[in-house]
Amino acid sequence: MGAGDDQLTVDTTKTTLNATIQGGEGEDTVVLTGGGNTIQYTMSGFETVSLSNIETSSDTDTTISASNSEGIQNIVMDSTVNDSVSFVNMGSSDITVDANGETSSDGSLTIDNSGVLLL
């Protein structure tokens, strides 16, 4: 990724569940789509994780483990999230959440962190 503000879209149903993805300088965003699985990416250089088109036909919720991630400051959830999404192992990071639009009754967000959570 370059030195500017970059965006990378990752379909979680089509990538390795423990993939390494790396942003660069600037305010970078990784957009996660797909859902219905547990992912634990080794991720750095992305300040924002955006959730879009998260939906599954099964009863499997989406879990995102940040055990191997660093630098996440913002989580954005748009109206196309129709699954329960959990961020776990976020540590003591302060997180800002931005929920855009109204999701279906199936869309929810849980964040496991010991830092400040701003909505």
PDB file of N, CA and C in Angstrom:
ATOM      1  N   MET A   1       0.854  -1.160   0.000  1.00  0.00           N
ATOM      2  CA  MET A   1       0.000   0.000   0.000  1.00  0.00           C
ATOM      3  C   MET A   1       0.901   1.224   0.000  1.00  0.00           C
ATOM      4  N   GLY A   2       0.358   2.300  -0.487  1.00  0.00           N
ATOM      5  CA  GLY A   2       1.155   3.498  -0.666  1.00  0.00           C
ATOM      6  C   GLY A   2       1.232   4.384   0.559  1.00  0.00           C
ATOM      7  N   ALA A   3       1.698   5.584   0.343  1.00  0.00           N
ATOM      8  CA  ALA A   3       1.892   6.537   1.430  1.00  0.00           C
ATOM      9  C   ALA A   3       0.633   7.351   1.715  1.00  0.00           C
ATOM     10  N   GLY A   4      -0.387   7.249   0.851  1.00  0.00           N
ATOM     11  CA  GLY A   4      -1.616   8.012   1.045  1.00  0.00           C
ATOM     12  C   GLY A   4      -2.637   7.256   1.870  1.00  0.00           C
ATOM     13  N   ASP A   5      -3.873   7.733   1.820  1.00  0.00           N
ATOM     14  CA  ASP A   5      -4.979   7.089   2.513  1.00  0.00           C
ATOM     15  C   ASP A   5      -5.552   6.026   1.582  1.00  0.00           C
ATOM     16  N   ASP A   6      -5.253   4.769   1.854  1.00  0.00           N
ATOM     17  CA  ASP A   6      -5.613   3.673   0.968  1.00  0.00           C
ATOM     18  C   ASP A   6      -6.765   2.851   1.529  1.00  0.00           C
ATOM     19  N   GLN A   7      -7.446   2.128   0.624  1.00  0.00           N
ATOM     20  CA  GLN A   7      -8.525   1.239   1.029  1.00  0.00           C
ATOM     21  C   GLN A   7      -8.337  -0.108   0.344  1.00  0.00           C
ATOM     22  N   LEU A   8      -8.478  -1.180   1.120  1.00  0.00           N
ATOM     23  CA  LEU A   8      -8.366  -2.549   0.626  1.00  0.00           C
ATOM     24  C   LEU A   8      -9.642  -3.286   0.999  1.00  0.00           C
ATOM     25  N   THR A   9     -10.275  -3.950   0.025  1.00  0.00           N
ATOM     26  CA  THR A   9     -11.467  -4.749   0.299  1.00  0.00           C
ATOM     27  C   THR A   9     -11.086  -6.222   0.321  1.00  0.00           C
ATOM     28  N   VAL A  10     -11.499  -6.917   1.394  1.00  0.00           N
ATOM     29  CA  VAL A  10     -11.174  -8.331   1.573  1.00  0.00           C
ATOM     30  C   VAL A  10     -12.474  -9.099   1.786  1.00  0.00           C
ATOM     31  N   ASP A  11     -12.740 -10.082   0.920  1.00  0.00           N
ATOM     32  CA  ASP A  11     -13.883 -10.971   1.093  1.00  0.00           C
ATOM     33  C   ASP A  11     -13.428 -12.111   1.998  1.00  0.00           C
ATOM     34  N   THR A  12     -13.956 -12.144   3.207  1.00  0.00           N
ATOM     35  CA  THR A  12     -13.492 -13.129   4.200  1.00  0.00           C
ATOM     36  C   THR A  12     -13.836 -14.556   3.822  1.00  0.00           C
ATOM     37  N   THR A  13     -14.737 -14.750   2.865  1.00  0.00           N
ATOM     38  CA  THR A  13     -15.075 -16.111   2.429  1.00  0.00           C
ATOM     39  C   THR A  13     -14.118 -16.606   1.354  1.00  0.00           C
ATOM     40  N   LYS A  14     -13.261 -15.718   0.835  1.00  0.00           N
ATOM     41  CA  LYS A  14     -12.376 -16.092  -0.266  1.00  0.00           C
ATOM     42  C   LYS A  14     -10.896 -15.935   0.063  1.00  0.00           C
ATOM     43  N   THR A  15     -10.573 -15.576   1.306  1.00  0.00           N
ATOM     44  CA  THR A  15      -9.174 -15.427   1.701  1.00  0.00           C
ATOM     45  C   THR A  15      -8.855 -16.407   2.813  1.00  0.00           C
ATOM     46  N   THR A  16      -7.597 -16.692   2.974  1.00  0.00           N
ATOM     47  CA  THR A  16      -7.155 -17.532   4.070  1.00  0.00           C
ATOM     48  C   THR A  16      -7.546 -16.863   5.377  1.00  0.00           C
ATOM     49  N   LEU A  17      -8.096 -17.635   6.302  1.00  0.00           N
ATOM     50  CA  LEU A  17      -8.640 -17.071   7.539  1.00  0.00           C
ATOM     51  C   LEU A  17      -7.570 -16.511   8.466  1.00  0.00           C
ATOM     52  N   ASN A  18      -6.287 -16.809   8.192  1.00  0.00           N
ATOM     53  CA  ASN A  18      -5.186 -16.262   8.984  1.00  0.00           C
ATOM     54  C   ASN A  18      -4.192 -15.518   8.083  1.00  0.00           C
ATOM     55  N   ALA A  19      -4.706 -14.872   7.053  1.00  0.00           N
ATOM     56  CA  ALA A  19      -3.872 -14.159   6.083  1.00  0.00           C
ATOM     57  C   ALA A  19      -3.124 -12.996   6.741  1.00  0.00           C
ATOM     58  N   THR A  20      -2.041 -12.587   6.110  1.00  0.00           N
ATOM     59  CA  THR A  20      -1.309 -11.389   6.526  1.00  0.00           C
ATOM     60  C   THR A  20      -1.651 -10.275   5.556  1.00  0.00           C
ATOM     61  N   ILE A  21      -2.176  -9.175   6.101  1.00  0.00           N
ATOM     62  CA  ILE A  21      -2.470  -8.002   5.272  1.00  0.00           C
ATOM     63  C   ILE A  21      -1.850  -6.787   5.949  1.00  0.00           C
ATOM     64  N   GLN A  22      -1.242  -5.950   5.125  1.00  0.00           N
ATOM     65  CA  GLN A  22      -0.479  -4.839   5.683  1.00  0.00           C
ATOM     66  C   GLN A  22      -0.799  -3.552   4.945  1.00  0.00           C
ATOM     67  N   GLY A  23      -1.169  -2.542   5.711  1.00  0.00           N
ATOM     68  CA  GLY A  23      -1.388  -1.210   5.158  1.00  0.00           C
ATOM     69  C   GLY A  23      -0.070  -0.469   5.097  1.00  0.00           C
ATOM     70  N   GLY A  24      -0.136   0.775   4.779  1.00  0.00           N
ATOM     71  CA  GLY A  24       1.071   1.581   4.693  1.00  0.00           C
ATOM     72  C   GLY A  24       0.935   2.835   5.524  1.00  0.00           C
ATOM     73  N   GLU A  25       1.587   3.878   5.066  1.00  0.00           N
ATOM     74  CA  GLU A  25       1.472   5.164   5.740  1.00  0.00           C
ATOM     75  C   GLU A  25       0.129   5.773   5.402  1.00  0.00           C
ATOM     76  N   GLY A  26      -0.287   6.752   6.140  1.00  0.00           N
ATOM     77  CA  GLY A  26      -1.575   7.387   5.908  1.00  0.00           C
ATOM     78  C   GLY A  26      -2.659   6.723   6.745  1.00  0.00           C
ATOM     79  N   GLU A  27      -3.894   7.133   6.528  1.00  0.00           N
ATOM     80  CA  GLU A  27      -5.050   6.580   7.238  1.00  0.00           C
ATOM     81  C   GLU A  27      -5.681   5.514   6.354  1.00  0.00           C
ATOM     82  N   ASP A  28      -5.279   4.275   6.546  1.00  0.00           N
ATOM     83  CA  ASP A  28      -5.720   3.186   5.682  1.00  0.00           C
ATOM     84  C   ASP A  28      -6.930   2.464   6.258  1.00  0.00           C
ATOM     85  N   THR A  29      -7.780   1.965   5.351  1.00  0.00           N
ATOM     86  CA  THR A  29      -9.005   1.269   5.712  1.00  0.00           C
ATOM     87  C   THR A  29      -9.019  -0.102   5.063  1.00  0.00           C
ATOM     88  N   VAL A  30      -9.351  -1.123   5.835  1.00  0.00           N
ATOM     89  CA  VAL A  30      -9.619  -2.441   5.267  1.00  0.00           C
ATOM     90  C   VAL A  30     -11.120  -2.667   5.386  1.00  0.00           C
ATOM     91  N   VAL A  31     -11.759  -2.981   4.260  1.00  0.00           N
ATOM     92  CA  VAL A  31     -13.198  -3.237   4.203  1.00  0.00           C
ATOM     93  C   VAL A  31     -13.382  -4.748   4.173  1.00  0.00           C
ATOM     94  N   LEU A  32     -14.059  -5.288   5.190  1.00  0.00           N
ATOM     95  CA  LEU A  32     -14.303  -6.721   5.254  1.00  0.00           C
ATOM     96  C   LEU A  32     -15.711  -7.011   4.771  1.00  0.00           C
ATOM     97  N   THR A  33     -15.831  -7.952   3.837  1.00  0.00           N
ATOM     98  CA  THR A  33     -17.115  -8.395   3.319  1.00  0.00           C
ATOM     99  C   THR A  33     -17.197  -9.910   3.492  1.00  0.00           C
ATOM    100  N   GLY A  34     -18.345 -10.477   3.264  1.00  0.00           N
ATOM    101  CA  GLY A  34     -18.494 -11.935   3.376  1.00  0.00           C
ATOM    102  C   GLY A  34     -19.169 -12.307   4.670  1.00  0.00           C
ATOM    103  N   GLY A  35     -18.440 -12.936   5.555  1.00  0.00           N
ATOM    104  CA  GLY A  35     -18.967 -13.254   6.880  1.00  0.00           C
ATOM    105  C   GLY A  35     -19.221 -14.733   7.082  1.00  0.00           C
ATOM    106  N   GLY A  36     -19.706 -15.049   8.277  1.00  0.00           N
ATOM    107  CA  GLY A  36     -20.041 -16.422   8.617  1.00  0.00           C
ATOM    108  C   GLY A  36     -18.862 -17.290   8.979  1.00  0.00           C
ATOM    109  N   ASN A  37     -17.776 -16.675   9.434  1.00  0.00           N
ATOM    110  CA  ASN A  37     -16.602 -17.454   9.802  1.00  0.00           C
ATOM    111  C   ASN A  37     -15.807 -16.724  10.879  1.00  0.00           C
ATOM    112  N   THR A  38     -14.750 -17.359  11.343  1.00  0.00           N
ATOM    113  CA  THR A  38     -13.840 -16.743  12.305  1.00  0.00           C
ATOM    114  C   THR A  38     -12.541 -16.450  11.582  1.00  0.00           C
ATOM    115  N   ILE A  39     -12.100 -15.197  11.668  1.00  0.00           N
ATOM    116  CA  ILE A  39     -10.845 -14.815  11.026  1.00  0.00           C
ATOM    117  C   ILE A  39      -9.885 -14.276  12.070  1.00  0.00           C
ATOM    118  N   GLN A  40      -8.609 -14.498  11.825  1.00  0.00           N
ATOM    119  CA  GLN A  40      -7.555 -13.959  12.683  1.00  0.00           C
ATOM    120  C   GLN A  40      -6.403 -13.539  11.790  1.00  0.00           C
ATOM    121  N   TYR A  41      -6.598 -12.404  11.134  1.00  0.00           N
ATOM    122  CA  TYR A  41      -5.565 -11.898  10.244  1.00  0.00           C
ATOM    123  C   TYR A  41      -4.395 -11.340  11.046  1.00  0.00           C
ATOM    124  N   THR A  42      -3.204 -11.462  10.490  1.00  0.00           N
ATOM    125  CA  THR A  42      -2.061 -10.705  10.975  1.00  0.00           C
ATOM    126  C   THR A  42      -2.128  -9.399  10.202  1.00  0.00           C
ATOM    127  N   MET A  43      -2.492  -8.334  10.922  1.00  0.00           N
ATOM    128  CA  MET A  43      -2.831  -7.092  10.247  1.00  0.00           C
ATOM    129  C   MET A  43      -2.163  -5.909  10.937  1.00  0.00           C
ATOM    130  N   SER A  44      -1.556  -5.040  10.128  1.00  0.00           N
ATOM    131  CA  SER A  44      -0.979  -3.808  10.664  1.00  0.00           C
ATOM    132  C   SER A  44      -1.104  -2.718   9.604  1.00  0.00           C
ATOM    133  N   GLY A  45      -1.040  -1.487  10.063  1.00  0.00           N
ATOM    134  CA  GLY A  45      -1.086  -0.361   9.143  1.00  0.00           C
ATOM    135  C   GLY A  45      -2.479   0.041   8.715  1.00  0.00           C
ATOM    136  N   PHE A  46      -3.505  -0.583   9.295  1.00  0.00           N
ATOM    137  CA  PHE A  46      -4.885  -0.202   9.002  1.00  0.00           C
ATOM    138  C   PHE A  46      -5.486   0.425  10.251  1.00  0.00           C
ATOM    139  N   GLU A  47      -5.853   1.682  10.147  1.00  0.00           N
ATOM    140  CA  GLU A  47      -6.442   2.388  11.282  1.00  0.00           C
ATOM    141  C   GLU A  47      -7.940   2.121  11.392  1.00  0.00           C
ATOM    142  N   THR A  48      -8.577   1.797  10.257  1.00  0.00           N
ATOM    143  CA  THR A  48     -10.022   1.590  10.234  1.00  0.00           C
ATOM    144  C   THR A  48     -10.357   0.222   9.653  1.00  0.00           C
ATOM    145  N   VAL A  49     -11.264  -0.489  10.339  1.00  0.00           N
ATOM    146  CA  VAL A  49     -11.858  -1.713   9.804  1.00  0.00           C
ATOM    147  C   VAL A  49     -13.312  -1.383   9.515  1.00  0.00           C
ATOM    148  N   SER A  50     -13.698  -1.541   8.265  1.00  0.00           N
ATOM    149  CA  SER A  50     -15.064  -1.250   7.847  1.00  0.00           C
ATOM    150  C   SER A  50     -15.763  -2.560   7.499  1.00  0.00           C
ATOM    151  N   LEU A  51     -16.990  -2.725   7.981  1.00  0.00           N
ATOM    152  CA  LEU A  51     -17.772  -3.923   7.720  1.00  0.00           C
ATOM    153  C   LEU A  51     -18.854  -3.591   6.707  1.00  0.00           C
ATOM    154  N   SER A  52     -18.938  -4.385   5.637  1.00  0.00           N
ATOM    155  CA  SER A  52     -19.921  -4.135   4.601  1.00  0.00           C
ATOM    156  C   SER A  52     -20.324  -5.466   3.974  1.00  0.00           C
ATOM    157  N   ASN A  53     -21.598  -5.625   3.686  1.00  0.00           N
ATOM    158  CA  ASN A  53     -22.105  -6.858   3.073  1.00  0.00           C
ATOM    159  C   ASN A  53     -21.698  -8.097   3.862  1.00  0.00           C
ATOM    160  N   ILE A  54     -21.847  -8.028   5.169  1.00  0.00           N
ATOM    161  CA  ILE A  54     -21.584  -9.170   6.035  1.00  0.00           C
ATOM    162  C   ILE A  54     -22.902  -9.917   6.214  1.00  0.00           C
ATOM    163  N   GLU A  55     -22.966 -11.104   5.633  1.00  0.00           N
ATOM    164  CA  GLU A  55     -24.194 -11.881   5.711  1.00  0.00           C
ATOM    165  C   GLU A  55     -23.854 -13.337   5.470  1.00  0.00           C
ATOM    166  N   THR A  56     -24.580 -14.199   6.131  1.00  0.00           N
ATOM    167  CA  THR A  56     -24.382 -15.623   5.929  1.00  0.00           C
ATOM    168  C   THR A  56     -25.728 -16.323   5.931  1.00  0.00           C
ATOM    169  N   SER A  57     -25.809 -17.389   5.180  1.00  0.00           N
ATOM    170  CA  SER A  57     -27.060 -18.148   5.141  1.00  0.00           C
ATOM    171  C   SER A  57     -27.107 -19.186   6.256  1.00  0.00           C
ATOM    172  N   SER A  58     -26.008 -19.386   6.935  1.00  0.00           N
ATOM    173  CA  SER A  58     -25.960 -20.352   8.038  1.00  0.00           C
ATOM    174  C   SER A  58     -26.162 -19.626   9.360  1.00  0.00           C
ATOM    175  N   ASP A  59     -26.166 -20.377  10.435  1.00  0.00           N
ATOM    176  CA  ASP A  59     -26.295 -19.790  11.764  1.00  0.00           C
ATOM    177  C   ASP A  59     -24.946 -19.408  12.359  1.00  0.00           C
ATOM    178  N   THR A  60     -23.907 -19.401  11.551  1.00  0.00           N
ATOM    179  CA  THR A  60     -22.566 -19.089  12.023  1.00  0.00           C
ATOM    180  C   THR A  60     -22.346 -17.581  12.014  1.00  0.00           C
ATOM    181  N   ASP A  61     -22.033 -17.027  13.170  1.00  0.00           N
ATOM    182  CA  ASP A  61     -21.750 -15.598  13.274  1.00  0.00           C
ATOM    183  C   ASP A  61     -20.329 -15.320  12.779  1.00  0.00           C
ATOM    184  N   THR A  62     -20.025 -14.062  12.606  1.00  0.00           N
ATOM    185  CA  THR A  62     -18.694 -13.642  12.171  1.00  0.00           C
ATOM    186  C   THR A  62     -17.898 -13.183  13.386  1.00  0.00           C
ATOM    187  N   THR A  63     -16.725 -13.773  13.574  1.00  0.00           N
ATOM    188  CA  THR A  63     -15.831 -13.399  14.670  1.00  0.00           C
ATOM    189  C   THR A  63     -14.504 -12.943  14.082  1.00  0.00           C
ATOM    190  N   ILE A  64     -14.043 -11.780  14.539  1.00  0.00           N
ATOM    191  CA  ILE A  64     -12.777 -11.219  14.074  1.00  0.00           C
ATOM    192  C   ILE A  64     -11.863 -11.111  15.276  1.00  0.00           C
ATOM    193  N   SER A  65     -10.803 -11.904  15.280  1.00  0.00           N
ATOM    194  CA  SER A  65      -9.840 -11.877  16.373  1.00  0.00           C
ATOM    195  C   SER A  65      -8.712 -10.912  16.019  1.00  0.00           C
ATOM    196  N   ALA A  66      -8.432  -9.998  16.927  1.00  0.00           N
ATOM    197  CA  ALA A  66      -7.369  -9.015  16.717  1.00  0.00           C
ATOM    198  C   ALA A  66      -6.081  -9.412  17.445  1.00  0.00           C
ATOM    199  N   SER A  67      -5.954 -10.685  17.795  1.00  0.00           N
ATOM    200  CA  SER A  67      -4.755 -11.152  18.506  1.00  0.00           C
ATOM    201  C   SER A  67      -3.468 -10.794  17.779  1.00  0.00           C
ATOM    202  N   ASN A  68      -3.503 -10.858  16.445  1.00  0.00           N
ATOM    203  CA  ASN A  68      -2.300 -10.603  15.654  1.00  0.00           C
ATOM    204  C   ASN A  68      -2.401  -9.293  14.874  1.00  0.00           C
ATOM    205  N   SER A  69      -3.226  -8.379  15.381  1.00  0.00           N
ATOM    206  CA  SER A  69      -3.416  -7.099  14.691  1.00  0.00           C
ATOM    207  C   SER A  69      -2.978  -5.952  15.591  1.00  0.00           C
ATOM    208  N   GLU A  70      -2.573  -4.874  14.956  1.00  0.00           N
ATOM    209  CA  GLU A  70      -2.190  -3.684  15.719  1.00  0.00           C
ATOM    210  C   GLU A  70      -2.604  -2.437  14.967  1.00  0.00           C
ATOM    211  N   GLY A  71      -2.925  -1.396  15.723  1.00  0.00           N
ATOM    212  CA  GLY A  71      -3.205  -0.088  15.142  1.00  0.00           C
ATOM    213  C   GLY A  71      -4.649   0.192  14.810  1.00  0.00           C
ATOM    214  N   ILE A  72      -5.567  -0.746  15.085  1.00  0.00           N
ATOM    215  CA  ILE A  72      -6.979  -0.507  14.778  1.00  0.00           C
ATOM    216  C   ILE A  72      -7.525   0.547  15.739  1.00  0.00           C
ATOM    217  N   GLN A  73      -8.077   1.620  15.183  1.00  0.00           N
ATOM    218  CA  GLN A  73      -8.629   2.712  15.978  1.00  0.00           C
ATOM    219  C   GLN A  73     -10.120   2.914  15.747  1.00  0.00           C
ATOM    220  N   ASN A  74     -10.605   2.505  14.566  1.00  0.00           N
ATOM    221  CA  ASN A  74     -11.991   2.770  14.180  1.00  0.00           C
ATOM    222  C   ASN A  74     -12.638   1.521  13.596  1.00  0.00           C
ATOM    223  N   ILE A  75     -13.906   1.321  13.931  1.00  0.00           N
ATOM    224  CA  ILE A  75     -14.704   0.273  13.320  1.00  0.00           C
ATOM    225  C   ILE A  75     -15.939   0.942  12.730  1.00  0.00           C
ATOM    226  N   VAL A  76     -16.166   0.722  11.445  1.00  0.00           N
ATOM    227  CA  VAL A  76     -17.312   1.285  10.748  1.00  0.00           C
ATOM    228  C   VAL A  76     -18.209   0.135  10.322  1.00  0.00           C
ATOM    229  N   MET A  77     -19.506   0.266  10.605  1.00  0.00           N
ATOM    230  CA  MET A  77     -20.479  -0.769  10.267  1.00  0.00           C
ATOM    231  C   MET A  77     -21.582  -0.112   9.451  1.00  0.00           C
ATOM    232  N   ASP A  78     -21.833  -0.628   8.231  1.00  0.00           N
ATOM    233  CA  ASP A  78     -22.883   0.003   7.434  1.00  0.00           C
ATOM    234  C   ASP A  78     -24.162  -0.831   7.455  1.00  0.00           C
ATOM    235  N   SER A  79     -25.172  -0.352   6.745  1.00  0.00           N
ATOM    236  CA  SER A  79     -26.504  -0.965   6.816  1.00  0.00           C
ATOM    237  C   SER A  79     -26.583  -2.316   6.126  1.00  0.00           C
ATOM    238  N   THR A  80     -25.514  -2.753   5.457  1.00  0.00           N
ATOM    239  CA  THR A  80     -25.535  -4.050   4.785  1.00  0.00           C
ATOM    240  C   THR A  80     -25.031  -5.175   5.685  1.00  0.00           C
ATOM    241  N   VAL A  81     -24.772  -4.892   6.953  1.00  0.00           N
ATOM    242  CA  VAL A  81     -24.340  -5.931   7.898  1.00  0.00           C
ATOM    243  C   VAL A  81     -25.586  -6.618   8.448  1.00  0.00           C
ATOM    244  N   ASN A  82     -25.796  -7.861   8.034  1.00  0.00           N
ATOM    245  CA  ASN A  82     -26.977  -8.622   8.428  1.00  0.00           C
ATOM    246  C   ASN A  82     -26.587  -9.882   9.176  1.00  0.00           C
ATOM    247  N   ASP A  83     -25.559  -9.788   9.969  1.00  0.00           N
ATOM    248  CA  ASP A  83     -25.035 -10.908  10.740  1.00  0.00           C
ATOM    249  C   ASP A  83     -24.515 -10.350  12.063  1.00  0.00           C
ATOM    250  N   SER A  84     -24.383 -11.212  13.040  1.00  0.00           N
ATOM    251  CA  SER A  84     -23.751 -10.809  14.300  1.00  0.00           C
ATOM    252  C   SER A  84     -22.244 -10.852  14.102  1.00  0.00           C
ATOM    253  N   VAL A  85     -21.592  -9.737  14.416  1.00  0.00           N
ATOM    254  CA  VAL A  85     -20.141  -9.629  14.262  1.00  0.00           C
ATOM    255  C   VAL A  85     -19.533  -9.343  15.621  1.00  0.00           C
ATOM    256  N   SER A  86     -18.507 -10.119  15.975  1.00  0.00           N
ATOM    257  CA  SER A  86     -17.787  -9.920  17.240  1.00  0.00           C
ATOM    258  C   SER A  86     -16.322  -9.658  16.959  1.00  0.00           C
ATOM    259  N   PHE A  87     -15.797  -8.574  17.552  1.00  0.00           N
ATOM    260  CA  PHE A  87     -14.359  -8.318  17.556  1.00  0.00           C
ATOM    261  C   PHE A  87     -13.855  -8.792  18.911  1.00  0.00           C
ATOM    262  N   VAL A  88     -12.916  -9.724  18.939  1.00  0.00           N
ATOM    263  CA  VAL A  88     -12.379 -10.248  20.188  1.00  0.00           C
ATOM    264  C   VAL A  88     -10.881  -9.980  20.249  1.00  0.00           C
ATOM    265  N   ASN A  89     -10.337 -10.032  21.465  1.00  0.00           N
ATOM    266  CA  ASN A  89      -8.903  -9.845  21.696  1.00  0.00           C
ATOM    267  C   ASN A  89      -8.408  -8.492  21.198  1.00  0.00           C
ATOM    268  N   MET A  90      -9.207  -7.444  21.435  1.00  0.00           N
ATOM    269  CA  MET A  90      -8.830  -6.100  21.003  1.00  0.00           C
ATOM    270  C   MET A  90      -7.857  -5.435  21.973  1.00  0.00           C
ATOM    271  N   GLY A  91      -7.642  -6.030  23.136  1.00  0.00           N
ATOM    272  CA  GLY A  91      -6.693  -5.482  24.093  1.00  0.00           C
ATOM    273  C   GLY A  91      -7.170  -4.173  24.690  1.00  0.00           C
ATOM    274  N   SER A  92      -6.229  -3.284  24.981  1.00  0.00           N
ATOM    275  CA  SER A  92      -6.556  -2.033  25.667  1.00  0.00           C
ATOM    276  C   SER A  92      -6.694  -0.856  24.702  1.00  0.00           C
ATOM    277  N   SER A  93      -6.840  -1.148  23.432  1.00  0.00           N
ATOM    278  CA  SER A  93      -6.976  -0.081  22.437  1.00  0.00           C
ATOM    279  C   SER A  93      -8.260   0.710  22.634  1.00  0.00           C
ATOM    280  N   ASP A  94      -8.185   2.014  22.417  1.00  0.00           N
ATOM    281  CA  ASP A  94      -9.376   2.838  22.366  1.00  0.00           C
ATOM    282  C   ASP A  94      -9.971   2.687  20.971  1.00  0.00           C
ATOM    283  N   ILE A  95     -11.283   2.465  20.895  1.00  0.00           N
ATOM    284  CA  ILE A  95     -11.950   2.200  19.623  1.00  0.00           C
ATOM    285  C   ILE A  95     -13.118   3.175  19.445  1.00  0.00           C
ATOM    286  N   THR A  96     -13.207   3.749  18.256  1.00  0.00           N
ATOM    287  CA  THR A  96     -14.353   4.563  17.878  1.00  0.00           C
ATOM    288  C   THR A  96     -15.210   3.753  16.912  1.00  0.00           C
ATOM    289  N   VAL A  97     -16.515   3.667  17.199  1.00  0.00           N
ATOM    290  CA  VAL A  97     -17.441   2.915  16.354  1.00  0.00           C
ATOM    291  C   VAL A  97     -18.356   3.891  15.632  1.00  0.00           C
ATOM    292  N   ASP A  98     -18.495   3.689  14.333  1.00  0.00           N
ATOM    293  CA  ASP A  98     -19.379   4.510  13.517  1.00  0.00           C
ATOM    294  C   ASP A  98     -20.364   3.575  12.824  1.00  0.00           C
ATOM    295  N   ALA A  99     -21.632   3.618  13.242  1.00  0.00           N
ATOM    296  CA  ALA A  99     -22.675   2.793  12.642  1.00  0.00           C
ATOM    297  C   ALA A  99     -23.452   3.652  11.659  1.00  0.00           C
ATOM    298  N   ASN A 100     -23.392   3.288  10.390  1.00  0.00           N
ATOM    299  CA  ASN A 100     -24.036   4.065   9.332  1.00  0.00           C
ATOM    300  C   ASN A 100     -25.280   3.351   8.825  1.00  0.00           C
ATOM    301  N   GLY A 101     -26.426   3.939   9.010  1.00  0.00           N
ATOM    302  CA  GLY A 101     -27.664   3.365   8.513  1.00  0.00           C
ATOM    303  C   GLY A 101     -28.255   2.351   9.470  1.00  0.00           C
ATOM    304  N   GLU A 102     -29.396   1.848   9.102  1.00  0.00           N
ATOM    305  CA  GLU A 102     -30.124   0.889   9.933  1.00  0.00           C
ATOM    306  C   GLU A 102     -29.905  -0.519   9.397  1.00  0.00           C
ATOM    307  N   THR A 103     -29.476  -1.428  10.259  1.00  0.00           N
ATOM    308  CA  THR A 103     -29.294  -2.817   9.845  1.00  0.00           C
ATOM    309  C   THR A 103     -30.571  -3.593  10.104  1.00  0.00           C
ATOM    310  N   SER A 104     -30.605  -4.814   9.581  1.00  0.00           N
ATOM    311  CA  SER A 104     -31.744  -5.679   9.872  1.00  0.00           C
ATOM    312  C   SER A 104     -31.683  -6.092  11.334  1.00  0.00           C
ATOM    313  N   SER A 105     -32.697  -6.770  11.791  1.00  0.00           N
ATOM    314  CA  SER A 105     -32.702  -7.211  13.192  1.00  0.00           C
ATOM    315  C   SER A 105     -31.602  -8.225  13.472  1.00  0.00           C
ATOM    316  N   ASP A 106     -31.022  -8.805  12.410  1.00  0.00           N
ATOM    317  CA  ASP A 106     -29.946  -9.790  12.596  1.00  0.00           C
ATOM    318  C   ASP A 106     -28.567  -9.156  12.719  1.00  0.00           C
ATOM    319  N   GLY A 107     -28.434  -7.884  12.412  1.00  0.00           N
ATOM    320  CA  GLY A 107     -27.133  -7.229  12.449  1.00  0.00           C
ATOM    321  C   GLY A 107     -26.805  -6.713  13.832  1.00  0.00           C
ATOM    322  N   SER A 108     -25.660  -7.149  14.382  1.00  0.00           N
ATOM    323  CA  SER A 108     -25.225  -6.661  15.691  1.00  0.00           C
ATOM    324  C   SER A 108     -23.708  -6.630  15.739  1.00  0.00           C
ATOM    325  N   LEU A 109     -23.190  -5.881  16.692  1.00  0.00           N
ATOM    326  CA  LEU A 109     -21.741  -5.712  16.833  1.00  0.00           C
ATOM    327  C   LEU A 109     -21.362  -5.833  18.299  1.00  0.00           C
ATOM    328  N   THR A 110     -20.385  -6.683  18.598  1.00  0.00           N
ATOM    329  CA  THR A 110     -19.837  -6.849  19.942  1.00  0.00           C
ATOM    330  C   THR A 110     -18.327  -6.604  19.854  1.00  0.00           C
ATOM    331  N   ILE A 111     -17.808  -5.825  20.820  1.00  0.00           N
ATOM    332  CA  ILE A 111     -16.372  -5.526  20.828  1.00  0.00           C
ATOM    333  C   ILE A 111     -15.814  -5.849  22.201  1.00  0.00           C
ATOM    334  N   ASP A 112     -14.771  -6.675  22.226  1.00  0.00           N
ATOM    335  CA  ASP A 112     -14.105  -7.096  23.452  1.00  0.00           C
ATOM    336  C   ASP A 112     -12.797  -6.312  23.579  1.00  0.00           C
ATOM    337  N   ASN A 113     -12.863  -5.180  24.277  1.00  0.00           N
ATOM    338  CA  ASN A 113     -11.647  -4.407  24.520  1.00  0.00           C
ATOM    339  C   ASN A 113     -11.721  -3.803  25.911  1.00  0.00           C
ATOM    340  N   SER A 114     -10.572  -3.494  26.481  1.00  0.00           N
ATOM    341  CA  SER A 114     -10.546  -2.906  27.826  1.00  0.00           C
ATOM    342  C   SER A 114     -10.256  -1.408  27.767  1.00  0.00           C
ATOM    343  N   GLY A 115     -10.114  -0.869  26.547  1.00  0.00           N
ATOM    344  CA  GLY A 115      -9.894   0.563  26.388  1.00  0.00           C
ATOM    345  C   GLY A 115     -11.223   1.304  26.310  1.00  0.00           C
ATOM    346  N   VAL A 116     -11.153   2.565  25.924  1.00  0.00           N
ATOM    347  CA  VAL A 116     -12.331   3.400  25.788  1.00  0.00           C
ATOM    348  C   VAL A 116     -13.056   3.034  24.493  1.00  0.00           C
ATOM    349  N   LEU A 117     -14.378   2.936  24.576  1.00  0.00           N
ATOM    350  CA  LEU A 117     -15.210   2.655  23.425  1.00  0.00           C
ATOM    351  C   LEU A 117     -16.089   3.869  23.163  1.00  0.00           C
ATOM    352  N   LEU A 118     -15.892   4.525  22.022  1.00  0.00           N
ATOM    353  CA  LEU A 118     -16.655   5.725  21.657  1.00  0.00           C
ATOM    354  C   LEU A 118     -17.641   5.396  20.554  1.00  0.00           C
ATOM    355  N   LEU A 119     -18.886   5.785  20.764  1.00  0.00           N
ATOM    356  CA  LEU A 119     -19.913   5.528  19.745  1.00  0.00           C
ATOM    357  C   LEU A 119     -20.327   6.818  19.089  1.00  0.00           C
TER     358      LEU A 119
END
